[in-house]
């Protein structure tokens, strides 16, 4: 892709370094060095080891929890590092957050509930972050309204279409939204897949109600009989939503069921749920490594798609004053 000018610097905090290296390679740039130091009492610091004065800086950190750091830990470290960059006179700092923690809690669903998406946005703004770049947030409108800084969201739809296209080229296909909140996301994927296939693709959506951590709802609206059903969601956490939807598709005569989710968290009993025969293949992106799956039936049906080029192209567009939204446009 060629090298950007020398005013661009890329940093990747521990835990997201592999991802940052892949994006940097796409851009033809090295990652800039930083120091990350741990103290005996659990406190920490991070600082750039080269001058960032006047630079356009991009910091990679995906805010999922793992065995080393929780999502809270990673968020705190990212905020402190951005503050250090601004104090060191960086001209602009963009937080590149492939998976944004707390994006699901974007409204009050019970009395006195927090609206955590808005609080996280305020923390990024407090350390003078200039822009944030993420992928497939849970609720795009809530994300854009929470931030007063530039907030760009990439979509994985093109990655999923590229993966599924050879599998369904000769098949009759229907795209499934697993809940009402995902209808627009699934519709954008359906339109893009229709364009690439050169024919119309069907659509359907499943009923879903969540309360107190329990998911209910059995209704599936749309014709899936003798068709390949593709379920599209922003994330797979426990796997309950995808598997319930897949079983509904099977019960109504779907020929096969495939699924895609941008972020693979795979918490609780996801490994066992996804190991069943409800879903034949599951595509995710590399915003969250599938470290919880291990080897076994669930891992064997998984396709891990790289989003490095998409993030690299977005960084190039941001630096050169181009449009990030066009990267996801139909």
Protein backbone atom coordinates (compact mmCIF):
# COMPACT_ATOMS: atom_id res chain seq x y z
CA UNK A 1 0.00 0.00 0.00
CA UNK A 2 3.00 2.31 0.29
CA UNK A 3 4.37 4.25 3.24
CA UNK A 4 2.50 7.14 4.81
CA UNK A 5 4.45 10.32 5.58
CA UNK A 6 6.78 10.54 8.57
CA UNK A 7 4.22 12.44 10.67
CA UNK A 8 2.29 9.20 11.29
CA UNK A 9 3.16 7.05 14.30
CA UNK A 10 1.56 3.75 15.29
CA UNK A 11 1.62 2.28 18.81
CA UNK A 12 0.15 -1.02 20.01
CA UNK A 13 -0.19 -1.69 23.72
CA UNK A 14 0.55 -5.12 25.18
CA UNK A 15 -2.24 -7.54 24.40
CA UNK A 16 -2.96 -5.98 21.01
CA UNK A 17 0.56 -5.96 19.62
CA UNK A 18 0.02 -8.80 17.13
CA UNK A 19 -2.99 -7.01 15.69
CA UNK A 20 -1.09 -3.72 15.55
CA UNK A 21 1.80 -5.38 13.72
CA UNK A 22 -0.54 -6.72 11.04
CA UNK A 23 -2.07 -3.29 10.46
CA UNK A 24 1.36 -1.65 10.44
CA UNK A 25 2.58 -4.16 7.86
CA UNK A 26 -0.39 -3.31 5.64
CA UNK A 27 0.54 0.37 5.87
CA UNK A 28 4.25 -0.22 5.35
CA UNK A 29 5.14 1.33 8.70
CA UNK A 30 6.86 -0.01 11.82
CA UNK A 31 5.25 0.17 15.22
CA UNK A 32 6.77 2.89 17.35
CA UNK A 33 8.39 1.75 20.62
CA UNK A 34 6.87 2.28 24.04
CA UNK A 35 7.64 1.30 27.61
CA UNK A 36 5.00 -0.44 29.72
CA UNK A 37 5.97 -0.88 33.35
CA UNK A 38 4.22 -2.77 36.15
CA UNK A 39 4.62 -1.83 39.81
CA UNK A 40 4.49 -4.13 42.82
CA UNK A 41 1.14 -2.79 44.04
CA UNK A 42 -0.61 -3.35 40.70
CA UNK A 43 -0.22 0.18 39.36
CA UNK A 44 1.36 0.74 35.95
CA UNK A 45 2.61 3.30 33.48
CA UNK A 46 3.16 3.49 29.74
CA UNK A 47 5.09 6.06 27.73
CA UNK A 48 6.34 6.50 24.16
CA UNK A 49 10.08 6.00 23.77
CA UNK A 50 10.42 8.40 20.85
CA UNK A 51 9.23 11.94 20.26
CA UNK A 52 5.61 12.31 19.15
CA UNK A 53 5.64 16.11 18.98
CA UNK A 54 3.48 17.26 16.07
CA UNK A 55 2.68 13.69 14.99
CA UNK A 56 -0.58 12.07 13.91
CA UNK A 57 -0.64 9.13 16.35
CA UNK A 58 -2.75 5.95 16.28
CA UNK A 59 -2.86 3.68 19.34
CA UNK A 60 -4.15 0.10 19.05
CA UNK A 61 -5.82 -1.58 22.00
CA UNK A 62 -8.73 -4.03 21.84
CA UNK A 63 -10.67 -3.87 25.10
CA UNK A 64 -11.64 -7.50 25.72
CA UNK A 65 -10.81 -9.24 28.99
CA UNK A 66 -8.39 -12.17 29.10
CA UNK A 67 -6.35 -14.08 31.68
CA UNK A 68 -3.82 -11.24 32.02
CA UNK A 69 -5.97 -8.11 31.99
CA UNK A 70 -9.66 -7.35 32.28
CA UNK A 71 -11.42 -5.00 29.89
CA UNK A 72 -11.27 -2.42 32.72
CA UNK A 73 -7.47 -2.80 32.97
CA UNK A 74 -7.03 -2.37 29.25
CA UNK A 75 -9.30 0.67 29.13
CA UNK A 76 -7.39 2.32 31.98
CA UNK A 77 -4.00 1.64 30.33
CA UNK A 78 -5.20 2.99 27.00
CA UNK A 79 -6.54 6.18 28.56
CA UNK A 80 -3.33 6.81 30.52
CA UNK A 81 -1.21 6.23 27.43
CA UNK A 82 -3.30 8.62 25.35
CA UNK A 83 -2.93 11.22 28.09
CA UNK A 84 0.85 10.74 28.02
CA UNK A 85 0.89 11.19 24.23
CA UNK A 86 -1.09 14.42 24.44
CA UNK A 87 1.18 15.70 27.22
CA UNK A 88 4.12 14.90 24.92
CA UNK A 89 2.61 17.27 22.30
CA UNK A 90 1.20 14.78 19.81
CA UNK A 91 -0.82 16.81 17.29
CA UNK A 92 -3.63 14.26 17.08
CA UNK A 93 -4.25 10.95 18.85
CA UNK A 94 -6.70 8.37 17.55
CA UNK A 95 -7.69 5.42 19.72
CA UNK A 96 -7.95 2.37 17.45
CA UNK A 97 -10.18 0.04 19.46
CA UNK A 98 -11.14 -3.04 17.42
CA UNK A 99 -13.42 -4.24 20.24
CA UNK A 100 -14.92 -1.49 22.41
CA UNK A 101 -15.84 -2.60 25.92
CA UNK A 102 -19.16 -1.52 27.46
CA UNK A 103 -20.74 -0.76 24.08
CA UNK A 104 -23.68 -3.05 24.91
CA UNK A 105 -24.87 -0.93 27.84
CA UNK A 106 -26.12 2.01 25.78
CA UNK A 107 -29.50 2.71 27.43
CA UNK A 108 -31.44 2.29 30.64
CA UNK A 109 -33.35 -0.97 30.69
CA UNK A 110 -34.07 -1.03 34.44
CA UNK A 111 -34.58 1.71 37.05
CA UNK A 112 -31.36 3.61 37.88
CA UNK A 113 -29.38 1.72 35.25
CA UNK A 114 -26.06 3.22 34.11
CA UNK A 115 -25.57 4.31 30.50
CA UNK A 116 -22.01 3.07 30.38
CA UNK A 117 -21.34 3.84 26.72
CA UNK A 118 -21.70 7.54 27.51
CA UNK A 119 -19.40 7.31 30.55
CA UNK A 120 -16.69 5.58 28.53
CA UNK A 121 -16.96 8.28 25.88
CA UNK A 122 -16.49 10.95 28.57
CA UNK A 123 -13.30 9.24 29.78
CA UNK A 124 -11.79 9.22 26.29
CA UNK A 125 -12.65 12.89 25.93
CA UNK A 126 -11.19 13.69 29.37
CA UNK A 127 -7.69 12.57 28.28
CA UNK A 128 -8.05 14.66 25.08
CA UNK A 129 -8.47 11.82 22.60
CA UNK A 130 -9.07 13.39 19.19
CA UNK A 131 -10.82 10.45 17.50
CA UNK A 132 -11.82 6.85 18.06
CA UNK A 133 -12.00 4.08 15.48
CA UNK A 134 -13.75 0.79 16.18
CA UNK A 135 -15.60 -2.03 14.42
CA UNK A 136 -19.27 -3.05 14.55
CA UNK A 137 -20.32 -1.46 17.82
CA UNK A 138 -23.48 -2.92 19.30
CA UNK A 139 -25.59 0.17 18.65
CA UNK A 140 -24.15 2.56 16.07
CA UNK A 141 -26.51 5.44 16.85
CA UNK A 142 -25.77 5.25 20.58
CA UNK A 143 -22.03 5.11 19.87
CA UNK A 144 -22.08 8.15 17.60
CA UNK A 145 -24.28 10.14 19.99
CA UNK A 146 -22.16 9.26 23.05
CA UNK A 147 -18.97 10.81 21.65
CA UNK A 148 -18.42 14.50 20.98
CA UNK A 149 -15.13 13.70 19.23
CA UNK A 150 -14.81 12.04 15.82
CA UNK A 151 -16.18 8.50 16.25
CA UNK A 152 -15.78 6.16 13.26
CA UNK A 153 -17.16 2.64 13.02
CA UNK A 154 -16.04 0.03 10.50
CA UNK A 155 -18.25 -2.84 9.36
CA UNK A 156 -17.08 -6.41 8.79
CA UNK A 157 -19.74 -7.11 6.14
CA UNK A 158 -17.33 -7.11 3.21
CA UNK A 159 -15.09 -9.60 5.01
CA UNK A 160 -18.07 -11.88 5.64
CA UNK A 161 -19.36 -11.62 2.07
CA UNK A 162 -15.91 -12.52 0.72
CA UNK A 163 -15.87 -15.59 2.97
CA UNK A 164 -19.42 -16.82 2.33
CA UNK A 165 -19.61 -16.07 -1.40
CA UNK A 166 -17.95 -19.29 -2.66
CA UNK A 167 -20.02 -21.35 -0.20
CA UNK A 168 -23.41 -20.08 -1.40
CA UNK A 169 -22.83 -19.08 -5.02
CA UNK A 170 -25.13 -21.82 -6.34
CA UNK A 171 -27.50 -21.87 -3.36
CA UNK A 172 -30.73 -20.12 -2.46
CA UNK A 173 -29.85 -17.91 0.51
CA UNK A 174 -31.66 -16.08 3.29
CA UNK A 175 -29.99 -13.68 5.74
CA UNK A 176 -31.20 -13.81 9.35
CA UNK A 177 -31.13 -11.04 11.97
CA UNK A 178 -31.11 -12.78 15.37
CA UNK A 179 -33.03 -9.93 17.04
CA UNK A 180 -34.82 -6.71 16.16
CA UNK A 181 -31.76 -4.62 17.03
CA UNK A 182 -29.69 -6.37 14.38
CA UNK A 183 -32.08 -5.93 11.45
CA UNK A 184 -30.23 -2.97 9.92
CA UNK A 185 -26.86 -4.73 10.26
CA UNK A 186 -28.20 -7.88 8.61
CA UNK A 187 -29.89 -5.85 5.87
CA UNK A 188 -26.60 -4.15 4.91
CA UNK A 189 -24.96 -7.57 4.67
CA UNK A 190 -27.90 -8.90 2.64
CA UNK A 191 -27.68 -6.05 0.14
CA UNK A 192 -23.95 -6.49 -0.31
CA UNK A 193 -24.29 -10.26 -0.74
CA UNK A 194 -27.10 -9.74 -3.27
CA UNK A 195 -24.86 -7.40 -5.27
CA UNK A 196 -22.03 -9.93 -5.35
CA UNK A 197 -24.30 -12.87 -6.24
CA UNK A 198 -26.15 -10.88 -8.88
CA UNK A 199 -29.51 -12.01 -7.55
CA UNK A 200 -31.87 -11.21 -4.71
CA UNK A 201 -31.21 -12.75 -1.29
CA UNK A 202 -34.04 -13.35 1.16
CA UNK A 203 -34.34 -11.94 4.65
CA UNK A 204 -35.77 -13.07 7.98
CA UNK A 205 -35.48 -12.16 11.65
CA UNK A 206 -35.84 -13.96 14.96
CA UNK A 207 -37.69 -12.92 18.09
CA UNK A 208 -35.52 -12.26 21.15
CA UNK A 209 -36.23 -10.90 24.61
CA UNK A 210 -33.54 -10.49 27.27
CA UNK A 211 -34.25 -9.87 30.96
CA UNK A 212 -32.08 -10.60 33.97
CA UNK A 213 -29.61 -12.45 31.77
CA UNK A 214 -32.28 -14.85 30.44
CA UNK A 215 -33.11 -14.98 26.72
CA UNK A 216 -36.60 -15.91 25.52
CA UNK A 217 -38.47 -15.88 22.20
CA UNK A 218 -39.04 -18.61 19.62
CA UNK A 219 -40.66 -16.82 16.66
CA UNK A 220 -38.85 -16.72 13.30
CA UNK A 221 -40.34 -14.40 10.67
CA UNK A 222 -39.38 -15.23 7.08
CA UNK A 223 -39.07 -18.18 4.72
CA UNK A 224 -35.99 -20.35 5.32
CA UNK A 225 -37.25 -23.73 4.04
CA UNK A 226 -34.69 -25.52 1.82
CA UNK A 227 -32.44 -22.45 1.89
CA UNK A 228 -28.99 -21.72 3.28
CA UNK A 229 -29.55 -19.47 6.29
CA UNK A 230 -26.79 -17.01 7.25
CA UNK A 231 -27.16 -15.45 10.71
CA UNK A 232 -25.41 -12.08 11.10
CA UNK A 233 -24.63 -10.54 14.51
CA UNK A 234 -22.17 -8.07 16.00
CA UNK A 235 -20.80 -10.51 18.60
CA UNK A 236 -21.01 -14.00 19.98
CA UNK A 237 -20.64 -14.12 23.76
CA UNK A 238 -22.37 -17.09 25.41
CA UNK A 239 -23.54 -18.37 22.02
CA UNK A 240 -27.16 -18.56 23.16
CA UNK A 241 -28.51 -16.05 20.65
CA UNK A 242 -26.85 -17.65 17.62
CA UNK A 243 -27.70 -21.20 18.61
CA UNK A 244 -31.36 -20.41 19.46
CA UNK A 245 -31.74 -18.69 16.09
CA UNK A 246 -30.02 -21.55 14.28
CA UNK A 247 -32.31 -24.10 15.91
CA UNK A 248 -35.35 -22.09 14.85
CA UNK A 249 -34.04 -22.10 11.28
CA UNK A 250 -33.53 -25.86 11.42
CA UNK A 251 -37.02 -26.38 12.82
CA UNK A 252 -38.47 -24.46 9.87
CA UNK A 253 -36.61 -26.53 7.30
CA UNK A 254 -33.41 -24.61 6.51
CA UNK A 255 -31.06 -26.69 4.37
CA UNK A 256 -28.05 -25.51 6.36
CA UNK A 257 -27.17 -22.75 8.82
CA UNK A 258 -24.06 -20.58 8.72
CA UNK A 259 -23.28 -17.67 11.02
CA UNK A 260 -21.04 -14.64 11.33
CA UNK A 261 -20.24 -12.35 14.25
CA UNK A 262 -17.69 -9.56 14.23
CA UNK A 263 -16.41 -10.16 17.78
CA UNK A 264 -15.90 -13.67 19.19
CA UNK A 265 -15.90 -13.48 23.00
CA UNK A 266 -16.98 -17.11 23.62
CA UNK A 267 -17.83 -16.83 27.31
CA UNK A 268 -19.54 -19.27 29.70
CA UNK A 269 -20.82 -22.38 27.84
CA UNK A 270 -20.18 -21.09 24.32
CA UNK A 271 -17.69 -23.86 23.54
CA UNK A 272 -20.25 -26.58 24.28
CA UNK A 273 -23.17 -24.78 22.65
CA UNK A 274 -21.32 -24.11 19.41
CA UNK A 275 -19.95 -27.64 19.27
CA UNK A 276 -23.45 -28.91 18.45
CA UNK A 277 -24.86 -29.37 14.96
CA UNK A 278 -27.11 -26.28 14.88
CA UNK A 279 -24.46 -24.15 13.10
CA UNK A 280 -22.20 -25.64 10.42
CA UNK A 281 -19.73 -22.78 10.07
CA UNK A 282 -19.06 -19.63 12.06
CA UNK A 283 -17.00 -16.69 10.78
CA UNK A 284 -15.55 -14.06 13.13
CA UNK A 285 -12.94 -11.34 12.76
CA UNK A 286 -9.65 -11.03 14.65
CA UNK A 287 -10.76 -8.08 16.82
CA UNK A 288 -10.80 -10.60 19.70
CA UNK A 289 -8.57 -13.71 19.42
CA UNK A 290 -10.63 -16.91 19.98
CA UNK A 291 -8.40 -17.97 22.89
CA UNK A 292 -11.28 -19.42 24.91
CA UNK A 293 -12.24 -22.00 22.29
CA UNK A 294 -9.20 -24.26 22.34
CA UNK A 295 -9.19 -27.30 20.06
CA UNK A 296 -12.39 -29.20 19.46
CA UNK A 297 -15.58 -29.19 17.37
CA UNK A 298 -16.38 -25.50 17.98
CA UNK A 299 -12.90 -24.40 16.93
CA UNK A 300 -12.94 -26.64 13.87
CA UNK A 301 -16.01 -24.94 12.42
CA UNK A 302 -14.56 -21.45 13.03
CA UNK A 303 -13.18 -19.17 10.31
CA UNK A 304 -11.00 -16.32 11.65
CA UNK A 305 -10.98 -13.38 9.20
CA UNK A 306 -8.32 -10.68 9.28
CA UNK A 307 -9.52 -7.09 9.61
CA UNK A 308 -5.99 -5.63 9.47
CA UNK A 309 -6.29 -4.30 5.90
CA UNK A 310 -9.66 -2.70 6.69
CA UNK A 311 -8.25 -0.89 9.73
CA UNK A 312 -5.13 0.06 7.79
CA UNK A 313 -7.20 1.58 4.99
CA UNK A 314 -9.26 3.47 7.59
CA UNK A 315 -6.12 4.92 9.18
CA UNK A 316 -4.87 5.99 5.77
CA UNK A 317 -8.20 7.69 5.05
CA UNK A 318 -8.21 9.46 8.43
CA UNK A 319 -4.67 10.74 7.97
CA UNK A 320 -5.25 11.90 4.40
CA UNK A 321 -8.63 13.49 5.09
CA UNK A 322 -10.62 10.81 3.26
CA UNK A 323 -13.88 9.12 4.18
CA UNK A 324 -13.85 6.18 6.57
CA UNK A 325 -17.56 5.50 6.02
CA UNK A 326 -16.94 4.81 2.33
CA UNK A 327 -14.95 1.72 3.31
CA UNK A 328 -18.19 0.14 4.52
CA UNK A 329 -20.47 1.65 1.88
CA UNK A 330 -22.45 -0.57 -0.48
